[in-house]
Amino acid sequence: MTKCIAIAAAAVLLPALHAHAQQPSQPRFEVASIKENKTNDGIVAIQTQKGRYVARGFTLAALIRNAYRVQEFQIIGGPEWINSERFDVEATFAEADAPQVNLMLRALLVERFTLAVHNEKRERPIFALTVARADKRLGPELQKSTTDCATAKGPDACGSTVAPGFIRLRGRTMAQFAESLSTLTITGSSLNRLIVDRTSLEGAYNVTLKFTPDNIPPVNIPGLPPVDPNGPSIFTALQEQLGLRLEATNGMVDVLVIDSASRPTAN
């Protein structure tokens, strides 16, 4: 069982997939090391700061998800070992923003894992986010936002926090909330589907959602409320706290198809 998941308390969105052809000008790490993780301690952690990228105990599938900003349900194909064998990655880079680091990681996966992928649209199971009550009344933790996001600062500033058992959004649309729910495969829940906003709620909202994830982290994340092991499921919490619900259906989803991958070359 995973013992530790390091997640940035910030906006975690599900952007559209882009073409992945390698370009000569694509940024690359200055120095990179990839080693097989044989500790079997279950620790999974990632850190990007001060010109260093460190991922511990990551499968290739997890590295792909980070590099291309996709979720588990968006990855199709590949050999079985990409979901079981774990690796430690350490790399250095000059000053760069998060999208550039993602591009560096993509280049590293191509060079060291000979990864080849392409984009498709496929019909997949999804969830539609809808208003639960016939009278359209919302729950106490879903409120219309009156904040000017261009000037707000401090605790009233607009933004998103997504963590195990907790989601907080300020000044965000329901489409952005649906995107945040779609990330819950990496925050301890098993929704594992794209979530599409069909609430018909327009404008910006403030959201606070607390629930018990399927996999409770062994330690609390500093700055966030502790996970209640006896709290409601994500489905119950959505209805009771927000007045929303998830309806299972099908829809077209952007997916990343793995054409080939091999175990990494030596450092």
C-alpha atoms as a PDB file:
ATOM      1  CA  MET A   1       0.000   0.000   0.000  1.00  0.00           C
ATOM      2  CA  THR A   2       1.249   3.486  -0.773  1.00  0.00           C
ATOM      3  CA  LYS A   3       2.658   5.112   2.347  1.00  0.00           C
ATOM      4  CA  CYS A   4       3.165   8.650   1.215  1.00  0.00           C
ATOM      5  CA  ILE A   5       1.788  10.754  -1.607  1.00  0.00           C
ATOM      6  CA  ALA A   6       3.240  14.210  -2.075  1.00  0.00           C
ATOM      7  CA  ILE A   7       0.753  16.517  -3.772  1.00  0.00           C
ATOM      8  CA  ALA A   8       1.049  20.239  -4.320  1.00  0.00           C
ATOM      9  CA  ALA A   9      -1.820  22.112  -2.715  1.00  0.00           C
ATOM     10  CA  ALA A  10      -2.635  24.112  -5.788  1.00  0.00           C
ATOM     11  CA  ALA A  11      -4.798  24.068  -8.857  1.00  0.00           C
ATOM     12  CA  VAL A  12      -4.724  20.605 -10.385  1.00  0.00           C
ATOM     13  CA  LEU A  13      -6.475  20.745 -13.706  1.00  0.00           C
ATOM     14  CA  LEU A  14      -7.037  18.353 -16.572  1.00  0.00           C
ATOM     15  CA  PRO A  15      -5.919  20.219 -19.703  1.00  0.00           C
ATOM     16  CA  ALA A  16      -6.523  19.003 -23.214  1.00  0.00           C
ATOM     17  CA  LEU A  17      -3.877  16.744 -24.702  1.00  0.00           C
ATOM     18  CA  HIS A  18      -1.444  18.152 -27.234  1.00  0.00           C
ATOM     19  CA  ALA A  19       0.662  16.725 -30.010  1.00  0.00           C
ATOM     20  CA  HIS A  20       3.754  14.978 -28.707  1.00  0.00           C
ATOM     21  CA  ALA A  21       6.195  15.054 -31.619  1.00  0.00           C
ATOM     22  CA  GLN A  22       9.699  15.789 -30.357  1.00  0.00           C
ATOM     23  CA  GLN A  23      10.952  19.168 -31.548  1.00  0.00           C
ATOM     24  CA  PRO A  24      14.651  20.140 -31.669  1.00  0.00           C
ATOM     25  CA  SER A  25      13.960  23.121 -29.401  1.00  0.00           C
ATOM     26  CA  GLN A  26      12.156  21.085 -26.749  1.00  0.00           C
ATOM     27  CA  PRO A  27      13.638  21.824 -23.303  1.00  0.00           C
ATOM     28  CA  ARG A  28      15.618  19.056 -21.622  1.00  0.00           C
ATOM     29  CA  PHE A  29      16.996  18.395 -18.172  1.00  0.00           C
ATOM     30  CA  GLU A  30      20.638  19.336 -17.744  1.00  0.00           C
ATOM     31  CA  VAL A  31      21.485  16.059 -15.976  1.00  0.00           C
ATOM     32  CA  ALA A  32      19.138  13.141 -15.267  1.00  0.00           C
ATOM     33  CA  SER A  33      19.411   9.827 -13.447  1.00  0.00           C
ATOM     34  CA  ILE A  34      16.905   6.957 -13.539  1.00  0.00           C
ATOM     35  CA  LYS A  35      17.308   3.947 -11.251  1.00  0.00           C
ATOM     36  CA  GLU A  36      15.062   0.987 -10.546  1.00  0.00           C
ATOM     37  CA  ASN A  37      13.491   1.275  -7.099  1.00  0.00           C
ATOM     38  CA  LYS A  38      13.893  -2.081  -5.319  1.00  0.00           C
ATOM     39  CA  THR A  39      13.114  -0.947  -1.778  1.00  0.00           C
ATOM     40  CA  ASN A  40       9.520  -2.231  -1.888  1.00  0.00           C
ATOM     41  CA  ASP A  41       8.685   0.282   0.870  1.00  0.00           C
ATOM     42  CA  GLY A  42       5.624   1.632  -0.940  1.00  0.00           C
ATOM     43  CA  ILE A  43       6.759   5.255  -0.662  1.00  0.00           C
ATOM     44  CA  VAL A  44       5.721   7.447  -3.586  1.00  0.00           C
ATOM     45  CA  ALA A  45       6.841  11.082  -3.542  1.00  0.00           C
ATOM     46  CA  ILE A  46       7.544  13.861  -6.019  1.00  0.00           C
ATOM     47  CA  GLN A  47       9.235  17.217  -5.573  1.00  0.00           C
ATOM     48  CA  THR A  48      10.115  20.001  -7.988  1.00  0.00           C
ATOM     49  CA  GLN A  49      11.963  22.991  -6.593  1.00  0.00           C
ATOM     50  CA  LYS A  50      15.187  24.986  -6.842  1.00  0.00           C
ATOM     51  CA  GLY A  51      16.178  23.470 -10.165  1.00  0.00           C
ATOM     52  CA  ARG A  52      15.724  19.853  -9.085  1.00  0.00           C
ATOM     53  CA  TYR A  53      13.104  17.303 -10.110  1.00  0.00           C
ATOM     54  CA  VAL A  54      12.891  14.241  -7.857  1.00  0.00           C
ATOM     55  CA  ALA A  55      10.374  11.401  -8.194  1.00  0.00           C
ATOM     56  CA  ARG A  56      10.678   8.397  -5.898  1.00  0.00           C
ATOM     57  CA  GLY A  57       8.942   5.056  -6.335  1.00  0.00           C
ATOM     58  CA  PHE A  58       7.122   6.073  -9.526  1.00  0.00           C
ATOM     59  CA  THR A  59       5.952   3.636 -12.167  1.00  0.00           C
ATOM     60  CA  LEU A  60       6.424   4.597 -15.798  1.00  0.00           C
ATOM     61  CA  ALA A  61       2.639   5.001 -16.030  1.00  0.00           C
ATOM     62  CA  ALA A  62       2.746   7.517 -13.173  1.00  0.00           C
ATOM     63  CA  LEU A  63       5.629   9.400 -14.803  1.00  0.00           C
ATOM     64  CA  ILE A  64       3.622   9.567 -18.034  1.00  0.00           C
ATOM     65  CA  ARG A  65       0.632  10.955 -16.146  1.00  0.00           C
ATOM     66  CA  ASN A  66       2.821  13.681 -14.653  1.00  0.00           C
ATOM     67  CA  ALA A  67       4.593  14.493 -17.910  1.00  0.00           C
ATOM     68  CA  TYR A  68       1.425  14.768 -20.007  1.00  0.00           C
ATOM     69  CA  ARG A  69      -0.935  15.950 -17.243  1.00  0.00           C
ATOM     70  CA  VAL A  70      -3.416  13.163 -17.821  1.00  0.00           C
ATOM     71  CA  GLN A  71      -5.220  10.798 -15.491  1.00  0.00           C
ATOM     72  CA  GLU A  72      -5.060   7.020 -15.222  1.00  0.00           C
ATOM     73  CA  PHE A  73      -8.236   6.538 -17.250  1.00  0.00           C
ATOM     74  CA  GLN A  74      -6.704   8.509 -20.131  1.00  0.00           C
ATOM     75  CA  ILE A  75      -3.756   6.157 -20.702  1.00  0.00           C
ATOM     76  CA  ILE A  76      -4.318   3.248 -23.093  1.00  0.00           C
ATOM     77  CA  GLY A  77      -1.995   0.339 -23.870  1.00  0.00           C
ATOM     78  CA  GLY A  78       1.640  -0.297 -23.025  1.00  0.00           C
ATOM     79  CA  PRO A  79       3.375  -3.365 -21.548  1.00  0.00           C
ATOM     80  CA  GLU A  80       2.195  -4.611 -18.149  1.00  0.00           C
ATOM     81  CA  TRP A  81       5.405  -3.658 -16.325  1.00  0.00           C
ATOM     82  CA  ILE A  82       4.731   0.085 -16.740  1.00  0.00           C
ATOM     83  CA  ASN A  83       2.156  -0.226 -13.932  1.00  0.00           C
ATOM     84  CA  SER A  84       4.217  -2.384 -11.577  1.00  0.00           C
ATOM     85  CA  GLU A  85       7.961  -1.700 -11.811  1.00  0.00           C
ATOM     86  CA  ARG A  86       9.043   1.403  -9.917  1.00  0.00           C
ATOM     87  CA  PHE A  87      11.798   3.914 -10.560  1.00  0.00           C
ATOM     88  CA  ASP A  88      13.579   6.807  -8.900  1.00  0.00           C
ATOM     89  CA  VAL A  89      14.235   9.861 -11.066  1.00  0.00           C
ATOM     90  CA  GLU A  90      16.572  12.725 -10.179  1.00  0.00           C
ATOM     91  CA  ALA A  91      17.196  15.561 -12.596  1.00  0.00           C
ATOM     92  CA  THR A  92      18.447  19.116 -12.634  1.00  0.00           C
ATOM     93  CA  PHE A  93      17.386  22.056 -14.772  1.00  0.00           C
ATOM     94  CA  ALA A  94      17.883  25.767 -15.130  1.00  0.00           C
ATOM     95  CA  GLU A  95      15.105  28.160 -14.185  1.00  0.00           C
ATOM     96  CA  ALA A  96      11.825  26.899 -15.680  1.00  0.00           C
ATOM     97  CA  ASP A  97       8.113  26.968 -15.018  1.00  0.00           C
ATOM     98  CA  ALA A  98       5.945  23.877 -14.457  1.00  0.00           C
ATOM     99  CA  PRO A  99       4.917  23.420 -18.133  1.00  0.00           C
ATOM    100  CA  GLN A 100       8.562  23.506 -19.190  1.00  0.00           C
ATOM    101  CA  VAL A 101       9.476  20.897 -16.566  1.00  0.00           C
ATOM    102  CA  ASN A 102       6.689  18.696 -17.953  1.00  0.00           C
ATOM    103  CA  LEU A 103       8.236  19.037 -21.418  1.00  0.00           C
ATOM    104  CA  MET A 104      11.631  18.096 -19.995  1.00  0.00           C
ATOM    105  CA  LEU A 105      10.128  14.999 -18.422  1.00  0.00           C
ATOM    106  CA  ARG A 106       8.503  14.057 -21.739  1.00  0.00           C
ATOM    107  CA  ALA A 107      11.854  14.326 -23.501  1.00  0.00           C
ATOM    108  CA  LEU A 108      13.491  12.197 -20.792  1.00  0.00           C
ATOM    109  CA  LEU A 109      10.854   9.462 -21.166  1.00  0.00           C
ATOM    110  CA  VAL A 110      11.426   9.392 -24.923  1.00  0.00           C
ATOM    111  CA  GLU A 111      15.210   9.230 -24.540  1.00  0.00           C
ATOM    112  CA  ARG A 112      15.472   6.736 -21.700  1.00  0.00           C
ATOM    113  CA  PHE A 113      12.292   4.631 -22.002  1.00  0.00           C
ATOM    114  CA  THR A 114      12.009   4.985 -25.804  1.00  0.00           C
ATOM    115  CA  LEU A 115       8.425   6.050 -25.147  1.00  0.00           C
ATOM    116  CA  ALA A 116       6.209   6.651 -28.181  1.00  0.00           C
ATOM    117  CA  VAL A 117       2.613   7.862 -27.823  1.00  0.00           C
ATOM    118  CA  HIS A 118      -0.202   9.393 -29.829  1.00  0.00           C
ATOM    119  CA  ASN A 119      -3.555  11.049 -29.104  1.00  0.00           C
ATOM    120  CA  GLU A 120      -7.012   9.708 -29.819  1.00  0.00           C
ATOM    121  CA  LYS A 121     -10.587  10.320 -28.782  1.00  0.00           C
ATOM    122  CA  ARG A 122     -12.442   7.273 -27.488  1.00  0.00           C
ATOM    123  CA  GLU A 123     -15.790   6.641 -25.899  1.00  0.00           C
ATOM    124  CA  ARG A 124     -15.221   5.929 -22.220  1.00  0.00           C
ATOM    125  CA  PRO A 125     -17.297   5.776 -19.030  1.00  0.00           C
ATOM    126  CA  ILE A 126     -17.614   9.267 -17.538  1.00  0.00           C
ATOM    127  CA  PHE A 127     -19.511  10.990 -14.748  1.00  0.00           C
ATOM    128  CA  ALA A 128     -21.870  13.905 -15.354  1.00  0.00           C
ATOM    129  CA  LEU A 129     -21.893  16.426 -12.491  1.00  0.00           C
ATOM    130  CA  THR A 130     -25.498  17.506 -11.951  1.00  0.00           C
ATOM    131  CA  VAL A 131     -27.667  19.274  -9.378  1.00  0.00           C
ATOM    132  CA  ALA A 132     -29.098  16.640  -7.025  1.00  0.00           C
ATOM    133  CA  ARG A 133     -32.399  18.243  -5.927  1.00  0.00           C
ATOM    134  CA  ALA A 134     -35.400  18.783  -8.157  1.00  0.00           C
ATOM    135  CA  ASP A 135     -35.879  22.273  -6.636  1.00  0.00           C
ATOM    136  CA  LYS A 136     -32.221  23.111  -7.570  1.00  0.00           C
ATOM    137  CA  ARG A 137     -31.372  24.026  -3.992  1.00  0.00           C
ATOM    138  CA  LEU A 138     -27.648  23.799  -3.350  1.00  0.00           C
ATOM    139  CA  GLY A 139     -25.806  22.537  -0.297  1.00  0.00           C
ATOM    140  CA  PRO A 140     -24.302  24.730   2.452  1.00  0.00           C
ATOM    141  CA  GLU A 141     -20.705  24.377   1.203  1.00  0.00           C
ATOM    142  CA  LEU A 142     -21.443  25.552  -2.353  1.00  0.00           C
ATOM    143  CA  GLN A 143     -21.909  29.297  -2.498  1.00  0.00           C
ATOM    144  CA  LYS A 144     -21.892  31.920  -5.220  1.00  0.00           C
ATOM    145  CA  SER A 145     -18.611  33.838  -5.246  1.00  0.00           C
ATOM    146  CA  THR A 146     -18.562  37.626  -5.228  1.00  0.00           C
ATOM    147  CA  THR A 147     -14.759  37.873  -5.122  1.00  0.00           C
ATOM    148  CA  ASP A 148     -12.843  39.865  -7.707  1.00  0.00           C
ATOM    149  CA  CYS A 149     -10.129  37.342  -8.549  1.00  0.00           C
ATOM    150  CA  ALA A 150      -7.948  40.032 -10.127  1.00  0.00           C
ATOM    151  CA  THR A 151      -7.477  41.869  -6.814  1.00  0.00           C
ATOM    152  CA  ALA A 152      -8.214  39.286  -4.076  1.00  0.00           C
ATOM    153  CA  LYS A 153      -5.357  38.334  -1.757  1.00  0.00           C
ATOM    154  CA  GLY A 154      -4.755  36.110   1.255  1.00  0.00           C
ATOM    155  CA  PRO A 155      -7.439  33.597   2.328  1.00  0.00           C
ATOM    156  CA  ASP A 156      -9.983  35.238   0.019  1.00  0.00           C
ATOM    157  CA  ALA A 157      -7.816  34.806  -3.081  1.00  0.00           C
ATOM    158  CA  CYS A 158      -9.187  32.699  -5.906  1.00  0.00           C
ATOM    159  CA  GLY A 159      -7.631  29.287  -6.404  1.00  0.00           C
ATOM    160  CA  SER A 160      -7.944  25.558  -5.896  1.00  0.00           C
ATOM    161  CA  THR A 161      -6.648  23.056  -3.357  1.00  0.00           C
ATOM    162  CA  VAL A 162      -7.048  19.338  -4.070  1.00  0.00           C
ATOM    163  CA  ALA A 163      -5.774  16.788  -1.548  1.00  0.00           C
ATOM    164  CA  PRO A 164      -6.801  13.419  -0.070  1.00  0.00           C
ATOM    165  CA  GLY A 165     -10.273  13.876   1.395  1.00  0.00           C
ATOM    166  CA  PHE A 166     -10.420  17.608   0.761  1.00  0.00           C
ATOM    167  CA  ILE A 167     -11.222  20.033  -2.058  1.00  0.00           C
ATOM    168  CA  ARG A 168     -11.416  23.795  -1.656  1.00  0.00           C
ATOM    169  CA  LEU A 169     -12.084  26.198  -4.519  1.00  0.00           C
ATOM    170  CA  ARG A 170     -12.524  29.956  -4.411  1.00  0.00           C
ATOM    171  CA  GLY A 171     -13.886  31.910  -7.347  1.00  0.00           C
ATOM    172  CA  ARG A 172     -14.055  28.885  -9.649  1.00  0.00           C
ATOM    173  CA  THR A 173     -16.640  27.737 -12.168  1.00  0.00           C
ATOM    174  CA  MET A 174     -18.432  24.404 -12.020  1.00  0.00           C
ATOM    175  CA  ALA A 175     -16.431  23.315 -15.068  1.00  0.00           C
ATOM    176  CA  GLN A 176     -13.232  23.927 -13.065  1.00  0.00           C
ATOM    177  CA  PHE A 177     -14.705  22.038 -10.119  1.00  0.00           C
ATOM    178  CA  ALA A 178     -15.464  19.104 -12.406  1.00  0.00           C
ATOM    179  CA  GLU A 179     -11.834  19.183 -13.560  1.00  0.00           C
ATOM    180  CA  SER A 180     -10.697  19.058  -9.944  1.00  0.00           C
ATOM    181  CA  LEU A 181     -12.924  16.045  -9.271  1.00  0.00           C
ATOM    182  CA  SER A 182     -11.377  14.333 -12.280  1.00  0.00           C
ATOM    183  CA  THR A 183      -7.993  14.407 -10.517  1.00  0.00           C
ATOM    184  CA  LEU A 184      -9.172  12.326  -7.566  1.00  0.00           C
ATOM    185  CA  THR A 185      -7.385   9.211  -8.834  1.00  0.00           C
ATOM    186  CA  ILE A 186      -4.224  10.835  -7.477  1.00  0.00           C
ATOM    187  CA  THR A 187      -5.763  11.996  -4.210  1.00  0.00           C
ATOM    188  CA  GLY A 188      -6.930   8.722  -2.767  1.00  0.00           C
ATOM    189  CA  SER A 189     -10.293   8.088  -4.420  1.00  0.00           C
ATOM    190  CA  SER A 190     -11.352   5.737  -7.173  1.00  0.00           C
ATOM    191  CA  LEU A 191     -13.577   7.858  -9.410  1.00  0.00           C
ATOM    192  CA  ASN A 192     -11.157   7.145 -12.264  1.00  0.00           C
ATOM    193  CA  ARG A 193     -13.366   8.843 -14.851  1.00  0.00           C
ATOM    194  CA  LEU A 194     -13.548  12.144 -16.627  1.00  0.00           C
ATOM    195  CA  ILE A 195     -16.170  14.334 -14.944  1.00  0.00           C
ATOM    196  CA  VAL A 196     -18.168  16.734 -17.104  1.00  0.00           C
ATOM    197  CA  ASP A 197     -20.095  19.715 -15.755  1.00  0.00           C
ATOM    198  CA  ARG A 198     -23.805  19.472 -16.533  1.00  0.00           C
ATOM    199  CA  THR A 199     -25.093  21.492 -13.579  1.00  0.00           C
ATOM    200  CA  SER A 200     -26.104  24.536 -15.687  1.00  0.00           C
ATOM    201  CA  LEU A 201     -24.761  26.657 -12.818  1.00  0.00           C
ATOM    202  CA  GLU A 202     -23.169  29.764 -14.324  1.00  0.00           C
ATOM    203  CA  GLY A 203     -20.585  32.072 -12.842  1.00  0.00           C
ATOM    204  CA  ALA A 204     -18.005  31.521 -10.103  1.00  0.00           C
ATOM    205  CA  TYR A 205     -18.506  29.621  -6.844  1.00  0.00           C
ATOM    206  CA  ASN A 206     -16.777  28.867  -3.569  1.00  0.00           C
ATOM    207  CA  VAL A 207     -16.598  25.156  -2.731  1.00  0.00           C
ATOM    208  CA  THR A 208     -15.476  23.265   0.369  1.00  0.00           C
ATOM    209  CA  LEU A 209     -15.780  19.479   0.209  1.00  0.00           C
ATOM    210  CA  LYS A 210     -14.617  17.020   2.890  1.00  0.00           C
ATOM    211  CA  PHE A 211     -14.870  13.258   2.464  1.00  0.00           C
ATOM    212  CA  THR A 212     -13.129  10.007   3.331  1.00  0.00           C
ATOM    213  CA  PRO A 213     -10.893   8.823   0.470  1.00  0.00           C
ATOM    214  CA  ASP A 214     -10.582   5.157  -0.400  1.00  0.00           C
ATOM    215  CA  ASN A 215      -6.883   5.230   0.505  1.00  0.00           C
ATOM    216  CA  ILE A 216      -6.225   7.295   3.611  1.00  0.00           C
ATOM    217  CA  PRO A 217      -2.674   8.697   3.709  1.00  0.00           C
ATOM    218  CA  PRO A 218      -0.657   7.627   6.767  1.00  0.00           C
ATOM    219  CA  VAL A 219       0.304  11.221   7.586  1.00  0.00           C
ATOM    220  CA  ASN A 220      -1.596  14.485   7.457  1.00  0.00           C
ATOM    221  CA  ILE A 221      -0.585  17.114   4.913  1.00  0.00           C
ATOM    222  CA  PRO A 222       0.580  20.319   6.662  1.00  0.00           C
ATOM    223  CA  GLY A 223      -1.860  23.180   6.254  1.00  0.00           C
ATOM    224  CA  LEU A 224      -4.809  20.934   5.393  1.00  0.00           C
ATOM    225  CA  PRO A 225      -7.467  19.393   7.654  1.00  0.00           C
ATOM    226  CA  PRO A 226      -6.791  15.802   8.748  1.00  0.00           C
ATOM    227  CA  VAL A 227      -8.697  13.069   6.929  1.00  0.00           C
ATOM    228  CA  ASP A 228     -11.681  11.754   8.898  1.00  0.00           C
ATOM    229  CA  PRO A 229     -11.658   7.939   8.571  1.00  0.00           C
ATOM    230  CA  ASN A 230     -15.355   7.866   9.486  1.00  0.00           C
ATOM    231  CA  GLY A 231     -16.497  10.602   7.152  1.00  0.00           C
ATOM    232  CA  PRO A 232     -18.807  10.313   4.120  1.00  0.00           C
ATOM    233  CA  SER A 233     -17.823   8.894   0.744  1.00  0.00           C
ATOM    234  CA  ILE A 234     -17.171  11.312  -2.097  1.00  0.00           C
ATOM    235  CA  PHE A 235     -20.633  10.542  -3.514  1.00  0.00           C
ATOM    236  CA  THR A 236     -22.436  11.186  -0.215  1.00  0.00           C
ATOM    237  CA  ALA A 237     -20.376  14.305   0.520  1.00  0.00           C
ATOM    238  CA  LEU A 238     -21.241  15.820  -2.860  1.00  0.00           C
ATOM    239  CA  GLN A 239     -24.965  15.499  -2.165  1.00  0.00           C
ATOM    240  CA  GLU A 240     -24.968  16.489   1.510  1.00  0.00           C
ATOM    241  CA  GLN A 241     -22.440  19.326   1.381  1.00  0.00           C
ATOM    242  CA  LEU A 242     -22.878  20.715  -2.137  1.00  0.00           C
ATOM    243  CA  GLY A 243     -26.280  19.523  -3.332  1.00  0.00           C
ATOM    244  CA  LEU A 244     -24.664  17.890  -6.368  1.00  0.00           C
ATOM    245  CA  ARG A 245     -24.347  14.334  -7.613  1.00  0.00           C
ATOM    246  CA  LEU A 246     -22.442  12.226 -10.111  1.00  0.00           C
ATOM    247  CA  GLU A 247     -24.384  10.357 -12.772  1.00  0.00           C
ATOM    248  CA  ALA A 248     -22.627   7.510 -14.616  1.00  0.00           C
ATOM    249  CA  THR A 249     -22.776   7.778 -18.403  1.00  0.00           C
ATOM    250  CA  ASN A 250     -20.524   7.547 -21.486  1.00  0.00           C
ATOM    251  CA  GLY A 251     -18.759  10.221 -23.477  1.00  0.00           C
ATOM    252  CA  MET A 252     -15.834  10.961 -25.769  1.00  0.00           C
ATOM    253  CA  VAL A 253     -12.566  11.360 -23.890  1.00  0.00           C
ATOM    254  CA  ASP A 254      -9.085  12.469 -24.986  1.00  0.00           C
ATOM    255  CA  VAL A 255      -6.740   9.532 -24.399  1.00  0.00           C
ATOM    256  CA  LEU A 256      -3.012   8.970 -24.706  1.00  0.00           C
ATOM    257  CA  VAL A 257      -2.222   5.708 -26.502  1.00  0.00           C
ATOM    258  CA  ILE A 258       1.153   4.135 -25.761  1.00  0.00           C
ATOM    259  CA  ASP A 259       2.656   2.788 -28.978  1.00  0.00           C
ATOM    260  CA  SER A 260       5.882   1.465 -27.419  1.00  0.00           C
ATOM    261  CA  ALA A 261       7.970   1.611 -24.265  1.00  0.00           C
ATOM    262  CA  SER A 262      11.035  -0.224 -22.985  1.00  0.00           C
ATOM    263  CA  ARG A 263      12.850  -0.429 -19.668  1.00  0.00           C
ATOM    264  CA  PRO A 264      15.228   2.510 -19.194  1.00  0.00           C
ATOM    265  CA  THR A 265      18.715   2.600 -20.568  1.00  0.00           C
ATOM    266  CA  ALA A 266      21.623   2.789 -18.129  1.00  0.00           C
ATOM    267  CA  ASN A 267      22.584   6.174 -16.673  1.00  0.00           C
END
